[in-house]
């Protein structure tokens, strides 16, 4: 089983954000990073290119990308096919095209697009969408930034495919199923990480540590990217989902002094919707 990562430190929240196509009045740009995949940014006019760019004050670190809640396999259901998705970086936003592509993909469906890659430290990052014919795309939750990485594998026994179907059904008087409607599928991961460095678990000031992530994001029940089987670089859409910490399960951080002073375990559950 591979390493777990949590994605919540989005440059869209920290840096200057610009979008090349003005938003539809009912689907504003602020919806891009409001931690909700069902509230959308939608292009106010059709175009053959859309650029979503962040500019850091100096430089910013990025090693993951996530887009959930989109229609890029066939924008606005116009029947003209998918757009090309490129995520790019640059130290300069000047003349010509100084950007280098970190990854590119042409989606075949509208499920989550997620990538993990070697840390890039640049001033400018952008999402570039292009198609030969003009399109009006919709984007839900968009993130890129530096992930939380415990640096240790998940305990054996972790089930990454745990799934619960939510829906309704009716029975006859004799118990026969008359009809059933599937609403959605929930994913749950019960995670146990062992012998973590104590500072990673407890340091409240380190933005790459779990305690900072817990205090500023997870404990407030803000959604985040959760995935395992981390590739570097690599794609992992089927192994990723937009999740929250299960508020009923809470979190446990027992000290493991009997094996290594300062080492701690970390136990928690995350829940999210399967796409």
Protein backbone atom coordinates (compact mmCIF):
# COMPACT_ATOMS: atom_id res chain seq x y z
CA UNK A 1 0.00 0.00 0.00
CA UNK A 2 1.36 3.41 -0.91
CA UNK A 3 1.65 6.63 1.01
CA UNK A 4 -1.32 8.80 1.87
CA UNK A 5 -1.45 12.49 1.00
CA UNK A 6 -3.91 15.26 1.91
CA UNK A 7 -4.40 18.21 -0.44
CA UNK A 8 -5.76 21.40 1.15
CA UNK A 9 -3.04 24.07 0.84
CA UNK A 10 -4.37 25.65 -2.37
CA UNK A 11 -2.46 28.46 -4.07
CA UNK A 12 -5.84 29.73 -5.30
CA UNK A 13 -6.53 30.83 -1.71
CA UNK A 14 -3.10 32.38 -1.08
CA UNK A 15 -1.96 33.98 -4.33
CA UNK A 16 -3.40 36.47 -6.83
CA UNK A 17 -5.97 34.64 -8.95
CA UNK A 18 -6.89 35.71 -12.49
CA UNK A 19 -9.22 34.08 -15.02
CA UNK A 20 -8.99 34.96 -18.71
CA UNK A 21 -12.73 34.65 -19.44
CA UNK A 22 -15.21 36.60 -17.31
CA UNK A 23 -17.65 34.46 -15.38
CA UNK A 24 -21.34 34.05 -16.01
CA UNK A 25 -23.17 36.31 -13.54
CA UNK A 26 -24.80 33.32 -11.83
CA UNK A 27 -21.58 31.28 -11.63
CA UNK A 28 -18.82 33.61 -10.30
CA UNK A 29 -15.07 33.08 -10.20
CA UNK A 30 -15.16 32.80 -6.39
CA UNK A 31 -16.84 29.42 -6.79
CA UNK A 32 -13.53 27.98 -8.04
CA UNK A 33 -12.06 27.76 -4.53
CA UNK A 34 -14.98 27.76 -2.10
CA UNK A 35 -14.43 24.12 -0.96
CA UNK A 36 -17.64 22.99 -2.66
CA UNK A 37 -17.60 20.91 -5.83
CA UNK A 38 -21.26 21.59 -6.64
CA UNK A 39 -20.96 25.41 -6.85
CA UNK A 40 -19.52 26.25 -10.24
CA UNK A 41 -17.54 28.84 -12.12
CA UNK A 42 -18.92 29.01 -15.66
CA UNK A 43 -17.46 30.92 -18.58
CA UNK A 44 -19.63 33.91 -19.43
CA UNK A 45 -18.79 33.66 -23.13
CA UNK A 46 -17.55 30.90 -25.42
CA UNK A 47 -13.83 30.87 -26.23
CA UNK A 48 -11.22 28.49 -27.64
CA UNK A 49 -8.97 29.02 -24.60
CA UNK A 50 -9.44 29.49 -20.85
CA UNK A 51 -6.55 30.35 -18.51
CA UNK A 52 -6.83 30.17 -14.71
CA UNK A 53 -3.63 31.58 -13.20
CA UNK A 54 -2.14 32.13 -9.75
CA UNK A 55 0.69 34.59 -9.10
CA UNK A 56 2.67 34.30 -5.87
CA UNK A 57 4.31 37.28 -4.18
CA UNK A 58 7.69 35.56 -4.61
CA UNK A 59 7.38 31.83 -5.31
CA UNK A 60 4.96 29.11 -4.31
CA UNK A 61 5.38 25.36 -3.92
CA UNK A 62 3.06 23.03 -5.84
CA UNK A 63 3.15 19.22 -5.89
CA UNK A 64 -0.51 18.30 -6.43
CA UNK A 65 -3.44 19.31 -8.63
CA UNK A 66 -7.16 18.57 -8.28
CA UNK A 67 -10.29 19.48 -10.22
CA UNK A 68 -13.61 17.99 -9.16
CA UNK A 69 -17.04 18.90 -10.56
CA UNK A 70 -16.48 19.81 -14.23
CA UNK A 71 -17.85 19.17 -17.72
CA UNK A 72 -14.60 19.10 -19.69
CA UNK A 73 -15.34 15.89 -21.59
CA UNK A 74 -18.10 17.81 -23.43
CA UNK A 75 -18.41 21.42 -22.18
CA UNK A 76 -21.99 22.68 -21.88
CA UNK A 77 -23.04 19.41 -23.61
CA UNK A 78 -22.39 21.08 -26.96
CA UNK A 79 -21.47 17.81 -28.67
CA UNK A 80 -18.08 19.05 -29.92
CA UNK A 81 -15.93 16.87 -27.71
CA UNK A 82 -13.44 17.29 -24.90
CA UNK A 83 -11.00 20.09 -24.20
CA UNK A 84 -7.27 19.65 -23.69
CA UNK A 85 -6.34 20.17 -20.02
CA UNK A 86 -2.80 21.40 -19.29
CA UNK A 87 -1.30 22.41 -15.95
CA UNK A 88 1.73 24.67 -16.34
CA UNK A 89 4.41 26.59 -14.43
CA UNK A 90 6.69 29.57 -15.08
CA UNK A 91 8.96 32.12 -13.42
CA UNK A 92 7.82 34.73 -15.94
CA UNK A 93 4.42 35.72 -17.33
CA UNK A 94 5.84 38.02 -20.00
CA UNK A 95 5.85 37.89 -23.79
CA UNK A 96 5.71 34.73 -25.84
CA UNK A 97 4.80 31.54 -23.99
CA UNK A 98 7.30 31.01 -21.14
CA UNK A 99 5.24 28.25 -19.49
CA UNK A 100 6.33 24.62 -19.06
CA UNK A 101 3.65 21.92 -18.94
CA UNK A 102 3.70 19.75 -15.82
CA UNK A 103 1.01 17.38 -17.14
CA UNK A 104 -1.74 17.29 -19.75
CA UNK A 105 -4.84 15.16 -20.25
CA UNK A 106 -7.90 15.03 -22.48
CA UNK A 107 -10.71 13.80 -20.19
CA UNK A 108 -13.06 11.08 -21.40
CA UNK A 109 -15.56 11.69 -18.58
CA UNK A 110 -16.35 14.32 -15.95
CA UNK A 111 -14.91 12.56 -12.90
CA UNK A 112 -12.12 13.96 -10.73
CA UNK A 113 -8.85 15.03 -12.36
CA UNK A 114 -6.02 14.66 -9.86
CA UNK A 115 -2.25 14.50 -10.10
CA UNK A 116 0.71 14.29 -7.74
CA UNK A 117 4.19 15.22 -8.92
CA UNK A 118 7.64 16.42 -7.86
CA UNK A 119 7.54 19.70 -5.93
CA UNK A 120 7.73 22.73 -8.25
CA UNK A 121 8.61 26.15 -6.81
CA UNK A 122 7.59 28.90 -9.23
CA UNK A 123 5.96 32.32 -9.23
CA UNK A 124 3.22 31.49 -11.75
CA UNK A 125 1.03 28.41 -12.16
CA UNK A 126 -1.92 28.09 -14.50
CA UNK A 127 -4.60 25.76 -15.77
CA UNK A 128 -4.87 26.02 -19.55
CA UNK A 129 -7.96 24.68 -21.35
CA UNK A 130 -8.07 24.65 -25.15
CA UNK A 131 -10.23 23.26 -27.96
CA UNK A 132 -10.38 23.93 -31.69
CA UNK A 133 -14.02 25.02 -31.43
CA UNK A 134 -15.19 27.58 -28.85
CA UNK A 135 -16.56 26.19 -25.57
CA UNK A 136 -18.22 27.35 -22.33
CA UNK A 137 -16.79 25.16 -19.58
CA UNK A 138 -17.94 24.79 -15.98
CA UNK A 139 -15.47 24.13 -13.15
CA UNK A 140 -16.30 23.11 -9.58
CA UNK A 141 -13.54 22.92 -6.95
CA UNK A 142 -10.05 23.68 -8.29
CA UNK A 143 -6.89 23.28 -6.21
CA UNK A 144 -3.15 23.22 -6.59
CA UNK A 145 -0.58 23.55 -3.85
CA UNK A 146 1.69 21.60 -1.51
CA UNK A 147 0.24 18.41 -0.07
CA UNK A 148 0.51 17.05 3.46
CA UNK A 149 2.68 13.92 3.26
CA UNK A 150 3.10 11.73 6.38
CA UNK A 151 6.06 9.98 4.72
CA UNK A 152 4.99 6.53 5.83
CA UNK A 153 2.83 3.82 4.33
CA UNK A 154 -0.68 2.97 5.45
CA UNK A 155 -1.01 0.06 7.84
CA UNK A 156 -1.83 -3.27 6.21
CA UNK A 157 -5.58 -3.82 6.33
CA UNK A 158 -6.57 -0.42 5.00
CA UNK A 159 -9.43 -0.92 2.53
CA UNK A 160 -9.30 1.72 -0.21
CA UNK A 161 -12.47 0.43 -1.90
CA UNK A 162 -14.86 0.58 1.07
CA UNK A 163 -18.13 1.87 -0.39
CA UNK A 164 -21.68 2.45 0.87
CA UNK A 165 -24.63 2.96 -1.48
CA UNK A 166 -27.19 5.55 -0.39
CA UNK A 167 -30.68 5.32 -1.87
CA UNK A 168 -34.34 4.47 -1.36
CA UNK A 169 -36.44 1.42 -2.14
CA UNK A 170 -40.04 0.28 -1.74
CA UNK A 171 -41.36 -3.18 -0.80
CA UNK A 172 -44.66 -4.87 -1.37
CA UNK A 173 -46.70 -6.27 1.52
CA UNK A 174 -45.03 -9.61 0.93
CA UNK A 175 -41.55 -8.11 0.97
CA UNK A 176 -40.88 -8.01 -2.76
CA UNK A 177 -38.74 -5.11 -4.03
CA UNK A 178 -41.03 -2.86 -6.08
CA UNK A 179 -38.45 -0.26 -7.04
CA UNK A 180 -35.14 1.23 -5.99
CA UNK A 181 -33.40 4.54 -6.66
CA UNK A 182 -29.66 4.94 -6.16
CA UNK A 183 -28.77 8.43 -4.93
CA UNK A 184 -24.97 8.29 -4.56
CA UNK A 185 -22.11 6.15 -3.28
CA UNK A 186 -20.08 7.10 -0.22
CA UNK A 187 -16.41 6.20 0.12
CA UNK A 188 -14.81 5.69 3.51
CA UNK A 189 -11.19 5.17 4.44
CA UNK A 190 -10.21 4.18 7.97
CA UNK A 191 -6.59 5.25 8.15
CA UNK A 192 -3.97 4.23 10.68
CA UNK A 193 -0.44 5.61 10.37
CA UNK A 194 2.18 4.30 12.77
CA UNK A 195 5.40 5.67 14.26
CA UNK A 196 5.13 9.15 12.79
CA UNK A 197 7.55 11.86 13.85
CA UNK A 198 6.05 13.69 16.82
CA UNK A 199 6.66 17.14 15.33
CA UNK A 200 4.71 16.20 12.18
CA UNK A 201 1.72 15.26 14.34
CA UNK A 202 1.92 18.09 16.90
CA UNK A 203 3.60 21.17 15.35
CA UNK A 204 0.93 23.87 15.02
CA UNK A 205 3.04 26.18 12.83
CA UNK A 206 4.33 23.85 10.08
CA UNK A 207 1.97 24.12 7.05
CA UNK A 208 3.25 20.75 5.78
CA UNK A 209 2.42 19.01 9.07
CA UNK A 210 -0.74 17.24 10.14
CA UNK A 211 -1.49 19.42 13.19
CA UNK A 212 -1.55 22.60 11.08
CA UNK A 213 -3.76 20.84 8.51
CA UNK A 214 -6.05 19.60 11.30
CA UNK A 215 -6.41 22.97 13.07
CA UNK A 216 -6.89 25.13 9.98
CA UNK A 217 -8.79 22.81 7.68
CA UNK A 218 -9.83 19.28 8.63
CA UNK A 219 -11.27 20.03 12.09
CA UNK A 220 -13.47 22.72 10.50
CA UNK A 221 -14.90 19.98 8.24
CA UNK A 222 -13.55 21.64 5.12
CA UNK A 223 -13.19 19.14 2.25
CA UNK A 224 -9.77 18.16 0.94
CA UNK A 225 -8.18 15.85 -1.60
CA UNK A 226 -7.43 12.40 -0.17
CA UNK A 227 -5.45 9.75 -2.00
CA UNK A 228 -3.00 6.91 -1.64
CA UNK A 229 -0.76 4.95 -4.04
CA UNK A 230 1.10 8.19 -4.64
CA UNK A 231 3.09 8.27 -7.89
CA UNK A 232 5.88 10.76 -8.45
CA UNK A 233 4.97 11.75 -11.06
CA UNK A 234 1.79 9.81 -11.73
CA UNK A 235 -1.95 9.86 -12.10
CA UNK A 236 -4.33 8.46 -9.51
CA UNK A 237 -7.88 9.56 -10.33
CA UNK A 238 -9.32 6.16 -9.43
CA UNK A 239 -7.52 6.32 -6.09
CA UNK A 240 -8.60 9.83 -5.09
CA UNK A 241 -11.69 11.54 -3.75
CA UNK A 242 -12.85 14.85 -2.27
CA UNK A 243 -13.35 14.09 1.42
CA UNK A 244 -13.82 15.31 4.98
CA UNK A 245 -12.68 13.87 8.29
CA UNK A 246 -15.53 11.75 9.67
CA UNK A 247 -16.85 13.90 12.57
CA UNK A 248 -18.30 10.85 14.33
CA UNK A 249 -15.03 8.95 14.33
CA UNK A 250 -12.82 11.85 15.43
CA UNK A 251 -9.06 11.43 15.62
CA UNK A 252 -6.63 9.55 17.86
CA UNK A 253 -2.95 10.36 18.40
CA UNK A 254 -1.51 7.86 20.91
CA UNK A 255 2.12 8.28 21.97
CA UNK A 256 4.39 5.31 21.21
CA UNK A 257 7.19 5.85 23.72
CA UNK A 258 7.66 2.13 24.26
CA UNK A 259 9.25 1.86 20.80
CA UNK A 260 10.72 5.25 19.97
CA UNK A 261 10.54 8.40 22.08
CA UNK A 262 8.63 11.12 20.26
CA UNK A 263 6.94 8.76 17.80
CA UNK A 264 3.16 8.75 17.56
CA UNK A 265 0.40 6.88 15.79
CA UNK A 266 -2.38 8.65 13.92
CA UNK A 267 -5.84 7.17 13.45
CA UNK A 268 -8.84 8.73 11.73
CA UNK A 269 -11.52 8.12 9.11
CA UNK A 270 -12.32 10.11 6.00
CA UNK A 271 -15.56 10.04 4.01
CA UNK A 272 -16.40 11.33 0.55
CA UNK A 273 -18.52 10.76 -2.53
CA UNK A 274 -17.38 8.23 -5.11
CA UNK A 275 -17.48 9.57 -8.66
